[in-house]
Amino acid sequence: MADLNAVLTRLNDRLLRLEGELFVLRSLARATLTAGDDHAARMRKLVEAAKVALDDEAKRPLDKPTRKYVDAATALVEELLVEPTPARPLFTVIDGGRRD
């Protein structure tokens, strides 16, 4: 039983590490996509290509774990392809104070 606990602990550690890496990669991809330069255009093409590949993969007969993986990856790619709403300013300067 100790061996099973060790294996489960290692798998859990790997999953947590992968989840953290995915968060970082998603943040980097989002920052690149919103940069508005040629890198953003290149990144958008890469993400769109990933979407096409995932759509093709989803049409194939897949086992349940692989289906869940493909669905999660598709959701991530679709999230990246959505144009972000522009952020509102953190504060507003009111022009109405003292004038010298």
PDB file of N, CA and C in Angstrom:
ATOM      1  N   MET A   1       0.830  -1.203   0.000  1.00  0.00           N
ATOM      2  CA  MET A   1       0.000   0.000   0.000  1.00  0.00           C
ATOM      3  C   MET A   1       0.868   1.259   0.000  1.00  0.00           C
ATOM      4  N   ALA A   2       2.029   1.179   0.603  1.00  0.00           N
ATOM      5  CA  ALA A   2       2.923   2.341   0.635  1.00  0.00           C
ATOM      6  C   ALA A   2       3.387   2.694  -0.770  1.00  0.00           C
ATOM      7  N   ASP A   3       3.609   1.661  -1.606  1.00  0.00           N
ATOM      8  CA  ASP A   3       4.019   1.913  -2.983  1.00  0.00           C
ATOM      9  C   ASP A   3       2.927   2.646  -3.755  1.00  0.00           C
ATOM     10  N   LEU A   4       1.698   2.255  -3.538  1.00  0.00           N
ATOM     11  CA  LEU A   4       0.575   2.909  -4.204  1.00  0.00           C
ATOM     12  C   LEU A   4       0.467   4.372  -3.779  1.00  0.00           C
ATOM     13  N   ASN A   5       0.642   4.639  -2.494  1.00  0.00           N
ATOM     14  CA  ASN A   5       0.606   6.021  -2.014  1.00  0.00           C
ATOM     15  C   ASN A   5       1.741   6.845  -2.610  1.00  0.00           C
ATOM     16  N   ALA A   6       2.907   6.246  -2.749  1.00  0.00           N
ATOM     17  CA  ALA A   6       4.050   6.953  -3.340  1.00  0.00           C
ATOM     18  C   ALA A   6       3.769   7.280  -4.801  1.00  0.00           C
ATOM     19  N   VAL A   7       3.192   6.332  -5.522  1.00  0.00           N
ATOM     20  CA  VAL A   7       2.859   6.559  -6.935  1.00  0.00           C
ATOM     21  C   VAL A   7       1.809   7.657  -7.064  1.00  0.00           C
ATOM     22  N   LEU A   8       0.788   7.600  -6.230  1.00  0.00           N
ATOM     23  CA  LEU A   8      -0.267   8.619  -6.279  1.00  0.00           C
ATOM     24  C   LEU A   8       0.277   9.998  -5.919  1.00  0.00           C
ATOM     25  N   THR A   9       1.185  10.046  -4.967  1.00  0.00           N
ATOM     26  CA  THR A   9       1.795  11.314  -4.585  1.00  0.00           C
ATOM     27  C   THR A   9       2.607  11.896  -5.740  1.00  0.00           C
ATOM     28  N   ARG A  10       3.391  11.028  -6.405  1.00  0.00           N
ATOM     29  CA  ARG A  10       4.173  11.507  -7.562  1.00  0.00           C
ATOM     30  C   ARG A  10       3.268  11.981  -8.688  1.00  0.00           C
ATOM     31  N   LEU A  11       2.198  11.254  -8.962  1.00  0.00           N
ATOM     32  CA  LEU A  11       1.264  11.678 -10.013  1.00  0.00           C
ATOM     33  C   LEU A  11       0.603  13.010  -9.669  1.00  0.00           C
ATOM     34  N   ASN A  12       0.220  13.163  -8.412  1.00  0.00           N
ATOM     35  CA  ASN A  12      -0.386  14.406  -7.979  1.00  0.00           C
ATOM     36  C   ASN A  12       0.591  15.572  -8.119  1.00  0.00           C
ATOM     37  N   ASP A  13       1.848  15.344  -7.750  1.00  0.00           N
ATOM     38  CA  ASP A  13       2.869  16.384  -7.895  1.00  0.00           C
ATOM     39  C   ASP A  13       3.059  16.762  -9.360  1.00  0.00           C
ATOM     40  N   ARG A  14       3.075  15.774 -10.234  1.00  0.00           N
ATOM     41  CA  ARG A  14       3.215  16.052 -11.671  1.00  0.00           C
ATOM     42  C   ARG A  14       2.026  16.839 -12.200  1.00  0.00           C
ATOM     43  N   LEU A  15       0.829  16.450 -11.775  1.00  0.00           N
ATOM     44  CA  LEU A  15      -0.365  17.176 -12.227  1.00  0.00           C
ATOM     45  C   LEU A  15      -0.349  18.621 -11.762  1.00  0.00           C
ATOM     46  N   LEU A  16       0.059  18.841 -10.520  1.00  0.00           N
ATOM     47  CA  LEU A  16       0.137  20.209 -10.008  1.00  0.00           C
ATOM     48  C   LEU A  16       1.175  21.024 -10.768  1.00  0.00           C
ATOM     49  N   ARG A  17       2.306  20.405 -11.077  1.00  0.00           N
ATOM     50  CA  ARG A  17       3.348  21.093 -11.834  1.00  0.00           C
ATOM     51  C   ARG A  17       2.865  21.419 -13.248  1.00  0.00           C
ATOM     52  N   LEU A  18       2.193  20.457 -13.884  1.00  0.00           N
ATOM     53  CA  LEU A  18       1.657  20.697 -15.226  1.00  0.00           C
ATOM     54  C   LEU A  18       0.594  21.793 -15.221  1.00  0.00           C
ATOM     55  N   GLU A  19      -0.239  21.802 -14.191  1.00  0.00           N
ATOM     56  CA  GLU A  19      -1.264  22.838 -14.089  1.00  0.00           C
ATOM     57  C   GLU A  19      -0.619  24.208 -13.945  1.00  0.00           C
ATOM     58  N   GLY A  20       0.431  24.301 -13.163  1.00  0.00           N
ATOM     59  CA  GLY A  20       1.139  25.571 -13.016  1.00  0.00           C
ATOM     60  C   GLY A  20       1.793  26.014 -14.307  1.00  0.00           C
ATOM     61  N   GLU A  21       2.397  25.058 -15.025  1.00  0.00           N
ATOM     62  CA  GLU A  21       3.013  25.389 -16.303  1.00  0.00           C
ATOM     63  C   GLU A  21       1.966  25.837 -17.316  1.00  0.00           C
ATOM     64  N   LEU A  22       0.814  25.182 -17.311  1.00  0.00           N
ATOM     65  CA  LEU A  22      -0.261  25.573 -18.221  1.00  0.00           C
ATOM     66  C   LEU A  22      -0.739  26.987 -17.921  1.00  0.00           C
ATOM     67  N   PHE A  23      -0.846  27.335 -16.641  1.00  0.00           N
ATOM     68  CA  PHE A  23      -1.265  28.686 -16.268  1.00  0.00           C
ATOM     69  C   PHE A  23      -0.275  29.718 -16.794  1.00  0.00           C
ATOM     70  N   VAL A  24       1.015  29.426 -16.647  1.00  0.00           N
ATOM     71  CA  VAL A  24       2.047  30.354 -17.122  1.00  0.00           C
ATOM     72  C   VAL A  24       1.998  30.473 -18.638  1.00  0.00           C
ATOM     73  N   LEU A  25       1.892  29.336 -19.326  1.00  0.00           N
ATOM     74  CA  LEU A  25       1.842  29.364 -20.791  1.00  0.00           C
ATOM     75  C   LEU A  25       0.601  30.094 -21.297  1.00  0.00           C
ATOM     76  N   ARG A  26      -0.530  29.891 -20.641  1.00  0.00           N
ATOM     77  CA  ARG A  26      -1.751  30.590 -21.048  1.00  0.00           C
ATOM     78  C   ARG A  26      -1.591  32.090 -20.842  1.00  0.00           C
ATOM     79  N   SER A  27      -0.976  32.485 -19.746  1.00  0.00           N
ATOM     80  CA  SER A  27      -0.745  33.909 -19.487  1.00  0.00           C
ATOM     81  C   SER A  27       0.189  34.516 -20.527  1.00  0.00           C
ATOM     82  N   LEU A  28       1.252  33.778 -20.869  1.00  0.00           N
ATOM     83  CA  LEU A  28       2.172  34.267 -21.901  1.00  0.00           C
ATOM     84  C   LEU A  28       1.489  34.358 -23.259  1.00  0.00           C
ATOM     85  N   ALA A  29       0.685  33.356 -23.584  1.00  0.00           N
ATOM     86  CA  ALA A  29      -0.032  33.383 -24.866  1.00  0.00           C
ATOM     87  C   ALA A  29      -1.005  34.553 -24.907  1.00  0.00           C
ATOM     88  N   ARG A  30      -1.718  34.799 -23.813  1.00  0.00           N
ATOM     89  CA  ARG A  30      -2.669  35.915 -23.764  1.00  0.00           C
ATOM     90  C   ARG A  30      -1.926  37.244 -23.915  1.00  0.00           C
ATOM     91  N   ALA A  31      -0.795  37.388 -23.242  1.00  0.00           N
ATOM     92  CA  ALA A  31      -0.019  38.623 -23.341  1.00  0.00           C
ATOM     93  C   ALA A  31       0.499  38.821 -24.758  1.00  0.00           C
ATOM     94  N   THR A  32       0.938  37.738 -25.392  1.00  0.00           N
ATOM     95  CA  THR A  32       1.430  37.845 -26.766  1.00  0.00           C
ATOM     96  C   THR A  32       0.302  38.180 -27.726  1.00  0.00           C
ATOM     97  N   LEU A  33      -0.860  37.565 -27.537  1.00  0.00           N
ATOM     98  CA  LEU A  33      -1.991  37.816 -28.433  1.00  0.00           C
ATOM     99  C   LEU A  33      -2.494  39.250 -28.340  1.00  0.00           C
ATOM    100  N   THR A  34      -2.359  39.865 -27.188  1.00  0.00           N
ATOM    101  CA  THR A  34      -2.864  41.229 -27.012  1.00  0.00           C
ATOM    102  C   THR A  34      -1.796  42.287 -27.243  1.00  0.00           C
ATOM    103  N   ALA A  35      -0.603  41.872 -27.679  1.00  0.00           N
ATOM    104  CA  ALA A  35       0.492  42.827 -27.864  1.00  0.00           C
ATOM    105  C   ALA A  35       0.250  43.761 -29.048  1.00  0.00           C
ATOM    106  N   GLY A  36      -0.450  43.281 -30.079  1.00  0.00           N
ATOM    107  CA  GLY A  36      -0.751  44.128 -31.220  1.00  0.00           C
ATOM    108  C   GLY A  36       0.403  44.293 -32.192  1.00  0.00           C
ATOM    109  N   ASP A  37       1.361  43.380 -32.213  1.00  0.00           N
ATOM    110  CA  ASP A  37       2.481  43.474 -33.147  1.00  0.00           C
ATOM    111  C   ASP A  37       2.533  42.212 -34.004  1.00  0.00           C
ATOM    112  N   ASP A  38       3.636  42.011 -34.725  1.00  0.00           N
ATOM    113  CA  ASP A  38       3.728  40.840 -35.595  1.00  0.00           C
ATOM    114  C   ASP A  38       3.801  39.538 -34.803  1.00  0.00           C
ATOM    115  N   HIS A  39       4.285  39.599 -33.562  1.00  0.00           N
ATOM    116  CA  HIS A  39       4.284  38.405 -32.716  1.00  0.00           C
ATOM    117  C   HIS A  39       2.853  37.985 -32.388  1.00  0.00           C
ATOM    118  N   ALA A  40       1.983  38.962 -32.200  1.00  0.00           N
ATOM    119  CA  ALA A  40       0.583  38.652 -31.906  1.00  0.00           C
ATOM    120  C   ALA A  40      -0.068  37.960 -33.098  1.00  0.00           C
ATOM    121  N   ALA A  41       0.215  38.446 -34.298  1.00  0.00           N
ATOM    122  CA  ALA A  41      -0.349  37.826 -35.493  1.00  0.00           C
ATOM    123  C   ALA A  41       0.157  36.394 -35.648  1.00  0.00           C
ATOM    124  N   ARG A  42       1.436  36.194 -35.394  1.00  0.00           N
ATOM    125  CA  ARG A  42       2.016  34.856 -35.483  1.00  0.00           C
ATOM    126  C   ARG A  42       1.408  33.929 -34.436  1.00  0.00           C
ATOM    127  N   MET A  43       1.241  34.434 -33.215  1.00  0.00           N
ATOM    128  CA  MET A  43       0.654  33.626 -32.149  1.00  0.00           C
ATOM    129  C   MET A  43      -0.792  33.274 -32.480  1.00  0.00           C
ATOM    130  N   ARG A  44      -1.544  34.225 -33.037  1.00  0.00           N
ATOM    131  CA  ARG A  44      -2.935  33.959 -33.401  1.00  0.00           C
ATOM    132  C   ARG A  44      -2.998  32.844 -34.444  1.00  0.00           C
ATOM    133  N   LYS A  45      -2.095  32.859 -35.423  1.00  0.00           N
ATOM    134  CA  LYS A  45      -2.074  31.796 -36.435  1.00  0.00           C
ATOM    135  C   LYS A  45      -1.772  30.441 -35.803  1.00  0.00           C
ATOM    136  N   LEU A  46      -0.849  30.424 -34.848  1.00  0.00           N
ATOM    137  CA  LEU A  46      -0.520  29.173 -34.161  1.00  0.00           C
ATOM    138  C   LEU A  46      -1.710  28.649 -33.360  1.00  0.00           C
ATOM    139  N   VAL A  47      -2.400  29.536 -32.674  1.00  0.00           N
ATOM    140  CA  VAL A  47      -3.549  29.118 -31.867  1.00  0.00           C
ATOM    141  C   VAL A  47      -4.682  28.650 -32.776  1.00  0.00           C
ATOM    142  N   GLU A  48      -4.882  29.331 -33.903  1.00  0.00           N
ATOM    143  CA  GLU A  48      -5.912  28.903 -34.848  1.00  0.00           C
ATOM    144  C   GLU A  48      -5.568  27.535 -35.449  1.00  0.00           C
ATOM    145  N   ALA A  49      -4.289  27.292 -35.712  1.00  0.00           N
ATOM    146  CA  ALA A  49      -3.867  25.981 -36.215  1.00  0.00           C
ATOM    147  C   ALA A  49      -4.111  24.893 -35.165  1.00  0.00           C
ATOM    148  N   ALA A  50      -3.865  25.231 -33.904  1.00  0.00           N
ATOM    149  CA  ALA A  50      -4.139  24.278 -32.824  1.00  0.00           C
ATOM    150  C   ALA A  50      -5.628  23.978 -32.753  1.00  0.00           C
ATOM    151  N   LYS A  51      -6.457  24.975 -32.978  1.00  0.00           N
ATOM    152  CA  LYS A  51      -7.915  24.782 -32.957  1.00  0.00           C
ATOM    153  C   LYS A  51      -8.329  23.817 -34.068  1.00  0.00           C
ATOM    154  N   VAL A  52      -7.779  23.994 -35.268  1.00  0.00           N
ATOM    155  CA  VAL A  52      -8.103  23.100 -36.388  1.00  0.00           C
ATOM    156  C   VAL A  52      -7.667  21.669 -36.061  1.00  0.00           C
ATOM    157  N   ALA A  53      -6.468  21.519 -35.510  1.00  0.00           N
ATOM    158  CA  ALA A  53      -5.968  20.189 -35.155  1.00  0.00           C
ATOM    159  C   ALA A  53      -6.845  19.541 -34.084  1.00  0.00           C
ATOM    160  N   LEU A  54      -7.264  20.317 -33.096  1.00  0.00           N
ATOM    161  CA  LEU A  54      -8.122  19.772 -32.045  1.00  0.00           C
ATOM    162  C   LEU A  54      -9.497  19.416 -32.583  1.00  0.00           C
ATOM    163  N   ASP A  55     -10.025  20.220 -33.506  1.00  0.00           N
ATOM    164  CA  ASP A  55     -11.316  19.895 -34.119  1.00  0.00           C
ATOM    165  C   ASP A  55     -11.228  18.584 -34.896  1.00  0.00           C
ATOM    166  N   ASP A  56     -10.126  18.379 -35.621  1.00  0.00           N
ATOM    167  CA  ASP A  56      -9.925  17.120 -36.342  1.00  0.00           C
ATOM    168  C   ASP A  56      -9.812  15.947 -35.368  1.00  0.00           C
ATOM    169  N   GLU A  57      -9.091  16.169 -34.280  1.00  0.00           N
ATOM    170  CA  GLU A  57      -8.920  15.107 -33.282  1.00  0.00           C
ATOM    171  C   GLU A  57     -10.248  14.759 -32.626  1.00  0.00           C
ATOM    172  N   ALA A  58     -11.105  15.752 -32.408  1.00  0.00           N
ATOM    173  CA  ALA A  58     -12.391  15.525 -31.750  1.00  0.00           C
ATOM    174  C   ALA A  58     -13.340  14.694 -32.616  1.00  0.00           C
ATOM    175  N   LYS A  59     -13.122  14.685 -33.916  1.00  0.00           N
ATOM    176  CA  LYS A  59     -13.985  13.904 -34.820  1.00  0.00           C
ATOM    177  C   LYS A  59     -13.664  12.411 -34.767  1.00  0.00           C
ATOM    178  N   ARG A  60     -12.482  12.064 -34.290  1.00  0.00           N
ATOM    179  CA  ARG A  60     -12.081  10.663 -34.217  1.00  0.00           C
ATOM    180  C   ARG A  60     -12.716   9.986 -33.007  1.00  0.00           C
ATOM    181  N   PRO A  61     -12.880   8.680 -33.060  1.00  0.00           N
ATOM    182  CA  PRO A  61     -13.359   7.970 -31.857  1.00  0.00           C
ATOM    183  C   PRO A  61     -12.232   7.939 -30.810  1.00  0.00           C
ATOM    184  N   LEU A  62     -12.518   8.465 -29.638  1.00  0.00           N
ATOM    185  CA  LEU A  62     -11.505   8.576 -28.588  1.00  0.00           C
ATOM    186  C   LEU A  62     -11.993   7.890 -27.323  1.00  0.00           C
ATOM    187  N   ASP A  63     -11.060   7.414 -26.513  1.00  0.00           N
ATOM    188  CA  ASP A  63     -11.443   6.876 -25.216  1.00  0.00           C
ATOM    189  C   ASP A  63     -11.772   8.043 -24.282  1.00  0.00           C
ATOM    190  N   LYS A  64     -12.369   7.731 -23.161  1.00  0.00           N
ATOM    191  CA  LYS A  64     -12.889   8.771 -22.263  1.00  0.00           C
ATOM    192  C   LYS A  64     -11.803   9.734 -21.753  1.00  0.00           C
ATOM    193  N   PRO A  65     -10.651   9.257 -21.266  1.00  0.00           N
ATOM    194  CA  PRO A  65      -9.626  10.206 -20.790  1.00  0.00           C
ATOM    195  C   PRO A  65      -9.110  11.122 -21.901  1.00  0.00           C
ATOM    196  N   THR A  66      -8.903  10.547 -23.093  1.00  0.00           N
ATOM    197  CA  THR A  66      -8.420  11.362 -24.210  1.00  0.00           C
ATOM    198  C   THR A  66      -9.475  12.381 -24.621  1.00  0.00           C
ATOM    199  N   ARG A  67     -10.745  11.989 -24.607  1.00  0.00           N
ATOM    200  CA  ARG A  67     -11.836  12.912 -24.945  1.00  0.00           C
ATOM    201  C   ARG A  67     -11.841  14.088 -23.976  1.00  0.00           C
ATOM    202  N   LYS A  68     -11.665  13.813 -22.685  1.00  0.00           N
ATOM    203  CA  LYS A  68     -11.637  14.889 -21.690  1.00  0.00           C
ATOM    204  C   LYS A  68     -10.455  15.832 -21.941  1.00  0.00           C
ATOM    205  N   TYR A  69      -9.303  15.245 -22.304  1.00  0.00           N
ATOM    206  CA  TYR A  69      -8.117  16.051 -22.594  1.00  0.00           C
ATOM    207  C   TYR A  69      -8.357  16.942 -23.811  1.00  0.00           C
ATOM    208  N   VAL A  70      -8.914  16.373 -24.875  1.00  0.00           N
ATOM    209  CA  VAL A  70      -9.184  17.140 -26.098  1.00  0.00           C
ATOM    210  C   VAL A  70     -10.212  18.230 -25.821  1.00  0.00           C
ATOM    211  N   ASP A  71     -11.239  17.919 -25.044  1.00  0.00           N
ATOM    212  CA  ASP A  71     -12.249  18.935 -24.714  1.00  0.00           C
ATOM    213  C   ASP A  71     -11.646  20.075 -23.901  1.00  0.00           C
ATOM    214  N   ALA A  72     -10.779  19.746 -22.941  1.00  0.00           N
ATOM    215  CA  ALA A  72     -10.135  20.789 -22.131  1.00  0.00           C
ATOM    216  C   ALA A  72      -9.203  21.648 -22.980  1.00  0.00           C
ATOM    217  N   ALA A  73      -8.451  21.017 -23.863  1.00  0.00           N
ATOM    218  CA  ALA A  73      -7.548  21.766 -24.739  1.00  0.00           C
ATOM    219  C   ALA A  73      -8.335  22.650 -25.700  1.00  0.00           C
ATOM    220  N   THR A  74      -9.452  22.149 -26.213  1.00  0.00           N
ATOM    221  CA  THR A  74     -10.297  22.952 -27.100  1.00  0.00           C
ATOM    222  C   THR A  74     -10.853  24.167 -26.363  1.00  0.00           C
ATOM    223  N   ALA A  75     -11.287  23.973 -25.131  1.00  0.00           N
ATOM    224  CA  ALA A  75     -11.803  25.090 -24.347  1.00  0.00           C
ATOM    225  C   ALA A  75     -10.725  26.141 -24.114  1.00  0.00           C
ATOM    226  N   LEU A  76      -9.502  25.702 -23.843  1.00  0.00           N
ATOM    227  CA  LEU A  76      -8.394  26.633 -23.632  1.00  0.00           C
ATOM    228  C   LEU A  76      -8.106  27.431 -24.901  1.00  0.00           C
ATOM    229  N   VAL A  77      -8.071  26.747 -26.041  1.00  0.00           N
ATOM    230  CA  VAL A  77      -7.789  27.419 -27.307  1.00  0.00           C
ATOM    231  C   VAL A  77      -8.903  28.406 -27.645  1.00  0.00           C
ATOM    232  N   GLU A  78     -10.151  28.000 -27.427  1.00  0.00           N
ATOM    233  CA  GLU A  78     -11.270  28.918 -27.702  1.00  0.00           C
ATOM    234  C   GLU A  78     -11.207  30.140 -26.791  1.00  0.00           C
ATOM    235  N   GLU A  79     -10.802  29.927 -25.543  1.00  0.00           N
ATOM    236  CA  GLU A  79     -10.653  31.054 -24.615  1.00  0.00           C
ATOM    237  C   GLU A  79      -9.582  32.029 -25.109  1.00  0.00           C
ATOM    238  N   LEU A  80      -8.490  31.489 -25.642  1.00  0.00           N
ATOM    239  CA  LEU A  80      -7.418  32.352 -26.148  1.00  0.00           C
ATOM    240  C   LEU A  80      -7.833  33.113 -27.405  1.00  0.00           C
ATOM    241  N   LEU A  81      -8.710  32.512 -28.212  1.00  0.00           N
ATOM    242  CA  LEU A  81      -9.108  33.158 -29.461  1.00  0.00           C
ATOM    243  C   LEU A  81     -10.149  34.262 -29.266  1.00  0.00           C
ATOM    244  N   VAL A  82     -10.799  34.298 -28.113  1.00  0.00           N
ATOM    245  CA  VAL A  82     -11.780  35.349 -27.829  1.00  0.00           C
ATOM    246  C   VAL A  82     -11.030  36.659 -27.610  1.00  0.00           C
ATOM    247  N   GLU A  83     -11.467  37.681 -28.308  1.00  0.00           N
ATOM    248  CA  GLU A  83     -10.842  38.995 -28.127  1.00  0.00           C
ATOM    249  C   GLU A  83     -11.136  39.495 -26.721  1.00  0.00           C
ATOM    250  N   PRO A  84     -10.110  39.856 -25.971  1.00  0.00           N
ATOM    251  CA  PRO A  84     -10.358  40.333 -24.604  1.00  0.00           C
ATOM    252  C   PRO A  84     -11.006  41.711 -24.628  1.00  0.00           C
ATOM    253  N   THR A  85     -11.839  41.952 -23.643  1.00  0.00           N
ATOM    254  CA  THR A  85     -12.438  43.276 -23.534  1.00  0.00           C
ATOM    255  C   THR A  85     -11.386  44.233 -23.006  1.00  0.00           C
ATOM    256  N   PRO A  86     -11.359  45.443 -23.531  1.00  0.00           N
ATOM    257  CA  PRO A  86     -10.360  46.391 -23.041  1.00  0.00           C
ATOM    258  C   PRO A  86     -10.577  46.693 -21.557  1.00  0.00           C
ATOM    259  N   ALA A  87      -9.492  46.789 -20.861  1.00  0.00           N
ATOM    260  CA  ALA A  87      -9.569  47.056 -19.420  1.00  0.00           C
ATOM    261  C   ALA A  87      -9.970  48.500 -19.170  1.00  0.00           C
ATOM    262  N   ARG A  88     -10.766  48.673 -18.148  1.00  0.00           N
ATOM    263  CA  ARG A  88     -11.128  50.037 -17.745  1.00  0.00           C
ATOM    264  C   ARG A  88      -9.971  50.627 -16.957  1.00  0.00           C
ATOM    265  N   PRO A  89      -9.838  51.943 -16.958  1.00  0.00           N
ATOM    266  CA  PRO A  89      -8.768  52.550 -16.160  1.00  0.00           C
ATOM    267  C   PRO A  89      -8.971  52.262 -14.676  1.00  0.00           C
ATOM    268  N   LEU A  90      -7.872  52.173 -13.966  1.00  0.00           N
ATOM    269  CA  LEU A  90      -7.950  51.894 -12.535  1.00  0.00           C
ATOM    270  C   LEU A  90      -8.468  53.091 -11.755  1.00  0.00           C
ATOM    271  N   PHE A  91      -8.267  54.275 -12.283  1.00  0.00           N
ATOM    272  CA  PHE A  91      -8.760  55.471 -11.616  1.00  0.00           C
ATOM    273  C   PHE A  91      -9.104  56.504 -12.670  1.00  0.00           C
ATOM    274  N   THR A  92      -9.913  57.466 -12.300  1.00  0.00           N
ATOM    275  CA  THR A  92     -10.326  58.527 -13.208  1.00  0.00           C
ATOM    276  C   THR A  92      -9.889  59.851 -12.616  1.00  0.00           C
ATOM    277  N   VAL A  93      -9.246  60.666 -13.420  1.00  0.00           N
ATOM    278  CA  VAL A  93      -8.838  61.993 -12.978  1.00  0.00           C
ATOM    279  C   VAL A  93     -10.000  62.948 -13.242  1.00  0.00           C
ATOM    280  N   ILE A  94     -10.446  63.571 -12.208  1.00  0.00           N
ATOM    281  CA  ILE A  94     -11.559  64.519 -12.332  1.00  0.00           C
ATOM    282  C   ILE A  94     -10.978  65.918 -12.449  1.00  0.00           C
ATOM    283  N   ASP A  95     -11.307  66.570 -13.529  1.00  0.00           N
ATOM    284  CA  ASP A  95     -10.806  67.925 -13.757  1.00  0.00           C
ATOM    285  C   ASP A  95     -11.802  68.889 -13.120  1.00  0.00           C
ATOM    286  N   GLY A  96     -11.567  69.223 -11.885  1.00  0.00           N
ATOM    287  CA  GLY A  96     -12.496  70.125 -11.201  1.00  0.00           C
ATOM    288  C   GLY A  96     -11.926  70.642  -9.907  1.00  0.00           C
ATOM    289  N   GLY A  97     -10.639  70.530  -9.733  1.00  0.00           N
ATOM    290  CA  GLY A  97      -9.992  70.997  -8.522  1.00  0.00           C
ATOM    291  C   GLY A  97      -9.675  72.465  -8.608  1.00  0.00           C
ATOM    292  N   ARG A  98      -8.773  72.903  -7.747  1.00  0.00           N
ATOM    293  CA  ARG A  98      -8.340  74.300  -7.748  1.00  0.00           C
ATOM    294  C   ARG A  98      -7.554  74.623  -8.979  1.00  0.00           C
ATOM    295  N   ARG A  99      -7.716  75.818  -9.456  1.00  0.00           N
ATOM    296  CA  ARG A  99      -6.916  76.290 -10.588  1.00  0.00           C
ATOM    297  C   ARG A  99      -6.106  77.477 -10.101  1.00  0.00           C
ATOM    298  N   ASP A 100      -4.841  77.466 -10.405  1.00  0.00           N
ATOM    299  CA  ASP A 100      -3.968  78.579 -10.001  1.00  0.00           C
ATOM    300  C   ASP A 100      -3.777  79.538 -11.126  1.00  0.00           C
TER     301      ASP A 100
END
